[in-house]
Amino acid sequence: MDTAFYTPSTLTAEEADRLDQVHGALTAATRALSDAQLRTQVDLDEVEAVTAEIGRLTERLLVRAHEGSLGTELGPRDNEVRNLGNSVIGLRNPFACFSPTNRTIEDDGRIVYDVELGAMYEGPPGLVHGGVSALLLDQLLGEATARAGGPGMTGRLTVHYRRPTPLGKLRLRGWSESIQGRKSIAKGEVLDPDGNVTVEAEGLFILPKWALEHPSWEARGSNFE
């Protein structure tokens, strides 16, 4: 792992908030565009016109752009971790569907995300792609064990598909099972609107040795990824 991708933020808290507000709106608009692009049935001439317009907008955004992936920013607030490009929780990633606005923490410490997965997440007709379920559970379990004090990277993820997961509104619940030194175990599940468990997962998370000496990870409650 290249530790250079974990970089201290150079922003003030106010600057970070403004950046998140503006880029969050752009991400939401791009997400809506992606969904519309997938489902549109307008005339082909209109598709071609929209394609050309998107090309012009893309050029405008690339006038000044980050080279490569975004990595992870630490700060500007104490113990703050900004995973802006993360495919599940990244504020600037249109595919991401987890955010603080759809997360709750239950009394027993379990983390719950209520999401709505539309056409972009389809695998079998009308159903969530199995790989998407695994992706979301991987992130959720990592967050659950980090919140319990044992952040780490995925060493093993075991997924059991109990029944088809329909597109639409879903609930994901994750919790920490155990923490032993640098190794942590977490479990989680996906539930359909009727409360049926469609997918279950168990993950082993390991804190890399180099992270033990990283000052930003002394407070073990931070989300490592």
Protein backbone atom coordinates (compact mmCIF):
# COMPACT_ATOMS: atom_id res chain seq x y z
CA MET A 1 0.00 0.00 0.00
CA ASP A 2 1.30 3.44 -0.95
CA THR A 3 0.91 5.53 2.19
CA ALA A 4 1.17 8.66 0.04
CA PHE A 5 -2.48 8.14 -0.83
CA TYR A 6 -3.31 8.96 2.81
CA THR A 7 -2.53 12.68 2.78
CA PRO A 8 -3.27 15.45 5.28
CA SER A 9 -5.90 17.89 4.05
CA THR A 10 -4.71 21.39 3.24
CA LEU A 11 -8.23 22.84 3.59
CA THR A 12 -9.87 24.63 6.48
CA ALA A 13 -13.11 23.11 7.79
CA GLU A 14 -15.08 25.90 6.10
CA GLU A 15 -13.34 25.33 2.77
CA ALA A 16 -13.98 21.59 2.99
CA ASP A 17 -17.67 22.16 3.71
CA ARG A 18 -18.04 24.49 0.71
CA LEU A 19 -16.16 22.06 -1.54
CA ASP A 20 -18.38 19.19 -0.42
CA GLN A 21 -21.54 21.22 -0.97
CA VAL A 22 -20.66 22.16 -4.54
CA HIS A 23 -19.12 18.85 -5.60
CA GLY A 24 -21.87 16.90 -3.85
CA ALA A 25 -24.43 18.70 -6.01
CA LEU A 26 -22.39 17.90 -9.13
CA THR A 27 -22.22 14.25 -8.10
CA ALA A 28 -25.99 14.10 -7.57
CA ALA A 29 -26.59 15.65 -10.99
CA THR A 30 -24.15 13.22 -12.62
CA ARG A 31 -25.83 10.29 -10.87
CA ALA A 32 -29.21 11.41 -12.19
CA LEU A 33 -27.70 11.80 -15.66
CA SER A 34 -26.26 8.28 -15.54
CA ASP A 35 -29.65 6.86 -14.59
CA ALA A 36 -31.36 8.86 -17.35
CA GLN A 37 -28.74 7.77 -19.91
CA LEU A 38 -29.39 4.15 -19.00
CA ARG A 39 -33.18 4.36 -19.21
CA THR A 40 -33.80 6.91 -21.96
CA GLN A 41 -35.90 6.08 -25.01
CA VAL A 42 -35.76 9.44 -26.79
CA ASP A 43 -35.12 9.64 -30.52
CA LEU A 44 -31.60 8.82 -31.71
CA ASP A 45 -31.08 12.35 -33.02
CA GLU A 46 -31.67 13.63 -29.50
CA VAL A 47 -29.28 11.03 -28.08
CA GLU A 48 -26.60 12.25 -30.46
CA ALA A 49 -27.23 15.87 -29.48
CA VAL A 50 -27.02 15.05 -25.79
CA THR A 51 -23.82 13.05 -26.38
CA ALA A 52 -22.18 16.06 -28.00
CA GLU A 53 -23.30 18.32 -25.16
CA ILE A 54 -21.93 15.90 -22.54
CA GLY A 55 -18.63 15.88 -24.44
CA ARG A 56 -18.41 19.66 -24.15
CA LEU A 57 -19.20 19.56 -20.43
CA THR A 58 -16.55 16.89 -19.90
CA GLU A 59 -13.95 19.07 -21.59
CA ARG A 60 -14.88 21.96 -19.27
CA LEU A 61 -14.38 19.82 -16.17
CA LEU A 62 -11.04 18.50 -17.40
CA VAL A 63 -9.53 21.96 -17.90
CA ARG A 64 -8.08 21.41 -14.43
CA ALA A 65 -8.38 17.92 -12.94
CA HIS A 66 -6.72 15.62 -10.41
CA GLU A 67 -4.30 13.20 -12.01
CA GLY A 68 -5.26 9.62 -11.23
CA SER A 69 -7.42 8.53 -8.32
CA LEU A 70 -8.25 10.81 -5.40
CA GLY A 71 -6.79 8.75 -2.57
CA THR A 72 -7.86 9.62 0.98
CA GLU A 73 -7.60 12.93 2.80
CA LEU A 74 -7.06 13.07 6.56
CA GLY A 75 -8.72 16.06 8.19
CA PRO A 76 -9.20 18.97 8.29
CA ARG A 77 -11.12 18.10 11.46
CA ASP A 78 -9.66 15.80 14.11
CA ASN A 79 -9.95 12.12 13.13
CA GLU A 80 -11.77 13.05 9.91
CA VAL A 81 -11.27 10.72 6.94
CA ARG A 82 -12.41 11.97 3.52
CA ASN A 83 -12.77 9.09 1.03
CA LEU A 84 -14.12 11.31 -1.75
CA GLY A 85 -13.59 8.82 -4.60
CA ASN A 86 -14.66 5.67 -2.76
CA SER A 87 -17.04 3.59 -4.90
CA VAL A 88 -19.48 3.08 -2.01
CA ILE A 89 -19.23 6.17 0.20
CA GLY A 90 -17.35 8.67 -1.98
CA LEU A 91 -19.02 12.09 -2.06
CA ARG A 92 -17.64 12.66 -5.56
CA ASN A 93 -18.41 9.19 -6.95
CA PRO A 94 -21.80 8.99 -8.77
CA PHE A 95 -21.95 5.22 -8.21
CA ALA A 96 -21.69 5.55 -4.42
CA CYS A 97 -24.93 4.98 -2.52
CA PHE A 98 -23.84 5.22 1.15
CA SER A 99 -23.85 8.61 2.85
CA PRO A 100 -24.32 9.99 6.37
CA THR A 101 -27.85 11.00 5.38
CA ASN A 102 -29.00 7.38 4.95
CA ARG A 103 -27.04 5.90 7.88
CA THR A 104 -28.25 5.26 11.41
CA ILE A 105 -26.53 3.71 14.41
CA GLU A 106 -28.73 1.36 16.44
CA ASP A 107 -28.64 1.23 20.23
CA ASP A 108 -26.48 -1.91 20.14
CA GLY A 109 -23.93 -0.17 17.89
CA ARG A 110 -24.96 -1.82 14.65
CA ILE A 111 -24.65 0.35 11.55
CA VAL A 112 -27.67 0.54 9.24
CA TYR A 113 -27.84 1.97 5.74
CA ASP A 114 -31.16 2.43 3.97
CA VAL A 115 -30.50 2.65 0.23
CA GLU A 116 -32.42 2.58 -3.01
CA LEU A 117 -30.65 0.75 -5.80
CA GLY A 118 -31.95 1.50 -9.28
CA ALA A 119 -31.18 0.39 -12.81
CA MET A 120 -27.44 1.11 -12.58
CA TYR A 121 -27.04 -1.71 -10.05
CA GLU A 122 -28.86 -4.43 -12.00
CA GLY A 123 -27.48 -7.93 -12.53
CA PRO A 124 -30.19 -10.50 -13.32
CA PRO A 125 -33.36 -8.80 -14.62
CA GLY A 126 -34.90 -6.70 -11.86
CA LEU A 127 -32.34 -7.85 -9.30
CA VAL A 128 -29.22 -6.38 -7.72
CA HIS A 129 -25.95 -7.69 -9.14
CA GLY A 130 -24.34 -10.12 -6.69
CA GLY A 131 -21.05 -8.27 -6.96
CA VAL A 132 -22.76 -5.04 -5.93
CA SER A 133 -24.13 -6.73 -2.80
CA ALA A 134 -20.64 -7.95 -1.94
CA LEU A 135 -19.17 -4.49 -2.59
CA LEU A 136 -21.62 -2.77 -0.26
CA LEU A 137 -21.22 -5.38 2.46
CA ASP A 138 -17.44 -5.16 2.27
CA GLN A 139 -17.61 -1.42 2.92
CA LEU A 140 -20.26 -1.79 5.62
CA LEU A 141 -18.36 -4.45 7.55
CA GLY A 142 -15.18 -2.42 7.36
CA GLU A 143 -17.01 0.57 8.77
CA ALA A 144 -18.61 -1.50 11.51
CA THR A 145 -15.34 -2.92 12.78
CA ALA A 146 -13.62 0.49 12.48
CA ARG A 147 -16.35 2.08 14.55
CA ALA A 148 -15.86 -0.63 17.16
CA GLY A 149 -12.17 0.26 17.38
CA GLY A 150 -10.56 -2.19 14.96
CA PRO A 151 -10.11 -0.52 11.56
CA GLY A 152 -8.37 -2.51 8.85
CA MET A 153 -8.32 -3.68 5.26
CA THR A 154 -10.25 -6.68 4.01
CA GLY A 155 -8.34 -9.91 4.45
CA ARG A 156 -11.26 -12.21 3.70
CA LEU A 157 -14.92 -11.71 2.77
CA THR A 158 -17.34 -14.64 2.79
CA VAL A 159 -20.71 -13.96 1.17
CA HIS A 160 -23.80 -16.17 1.27
CA TYR A 161 -26.63 -15.38 -1.14
CA ARG A 162 -29.82 -16.55 0.55
CA ARG A 163 -32.40 -15.32 -1.98
CA PRO A 164 -32.58 -12.86 -4.90
CA THR A 165 -32.16 -9.21 -3.93
CA PRO A 166 -34.70 -6.99 -5.71
CA LEU A 167 -33.82 -3.57 -7.04
CA GLY A 168 -35.38 -0.75 -5.05
CA LYS A 169 -35.32 0.07 -1.37
CA LEU A 170 -33.08 -2.12 0.78
CA ARG A 171 -31.62 -2.10 4.28
CA LEU A 172 -28.05 -3.15 5.07
CA ARG A 173 -26.99 -3.85 8.64
CA GLY A 174 -23.45 -4.50 9.89
CA TRP A 175 -21.80 -5.13 13.25
CA SER A 176 -18.49 -6.01 14.87
CA GLU A 177 -18.11 -9.57 16.17
CA SER A 178 -14.62 -9.53 17.68
CA ILE A 179 -11.31 -7.65 17.77
CA GLN A 180 -8.02 -9.37 18.54
CA GLY A 181 -4.99 -7.19 18.08
CA ARG A 182 -4.69 -6.20 14.43
CA LYS A 183 -7.42 -8.63 13.32
CA SER A 184 -11.15 -7.94 13.47
CA ILE A 185 -14.25 -9.91 12.49
CA ALA A 186 -17.49 -8.28 11.36
CA LYS A 187 -20.80 -9.56 10.02
CA GLY A 188 -23.60 -8.04 8.00
CA GLU A 189 -26.71 -8.63 5.97
CA VAL A 190 -28.93 -7.21 3.24
CA LEU A 191 -32.68 -7.12 3.83
CA ASP A 192 -35.46 -6.65 1.27
CA PRO A 193 -38.51 -4.39 1.91
CA ASP A 194 -40.31 -7.29 3.63
CA GLY A 195 -37.45 -7.81 6.08
CA ASN A 196 -36.16 -10.99 4.45
CA VAL A 197 -32.40 -11.51 4.59
CA THR A 198 -31.20 -11.84 1.00
CA VAL A 199 -27.42 -11.77 1.52
CA GLU A 200 -25.20 -12.47 4.55
CA ALA A 201 -21.49 -11.79 4.89
CA GLU A 202 -18.60 -12.24 7.31
CA GLY A 203 -15.34 -10.38 6.93
CA LEU A 204 -11.85 -10.51 8.39
CA PHE A 205 -10.15 -7.11 8.55
CA ILE A 206 -6.45 -6.61 9.22
CA LEU A 207 -4.69 -3.39 10.19
CA PRO A 208 -1.43 -3.18 8.18
CA LYS A 209 1.77 -2.94 10.21
CA TRP A 210 2.72 0.41 8.69
CA ALA A 211 -0.55 1.92 9.92
CA LEU A 212 0.38 1.21 13.55
CA GLU A 213 2.95 3.98 13.36
CA HIS A 214 0.78 6.38 11.37
CA PRO A 215 -0.26 9.22 13.72
CA SER A 216 -3.70 9.54 12.14
CA TRP A 217 -4.61 5.99 13.13
CA GLU A 218 -3.75 6.22 16.83
CA ALA A 219 -7.45 6.84 17.47
CA ARG A 220 -8.69 3.44 16.36
CA GLY A 221 -12.27 4.62 15.88
CA SER A 222 -11.51 6.01 12.40
CA ASN A 223 -12.61 4.31 9.19
CA PHE A 224 -9.32 2.93 7.84
CA GLU A 225 -10.39 2.60 4.20
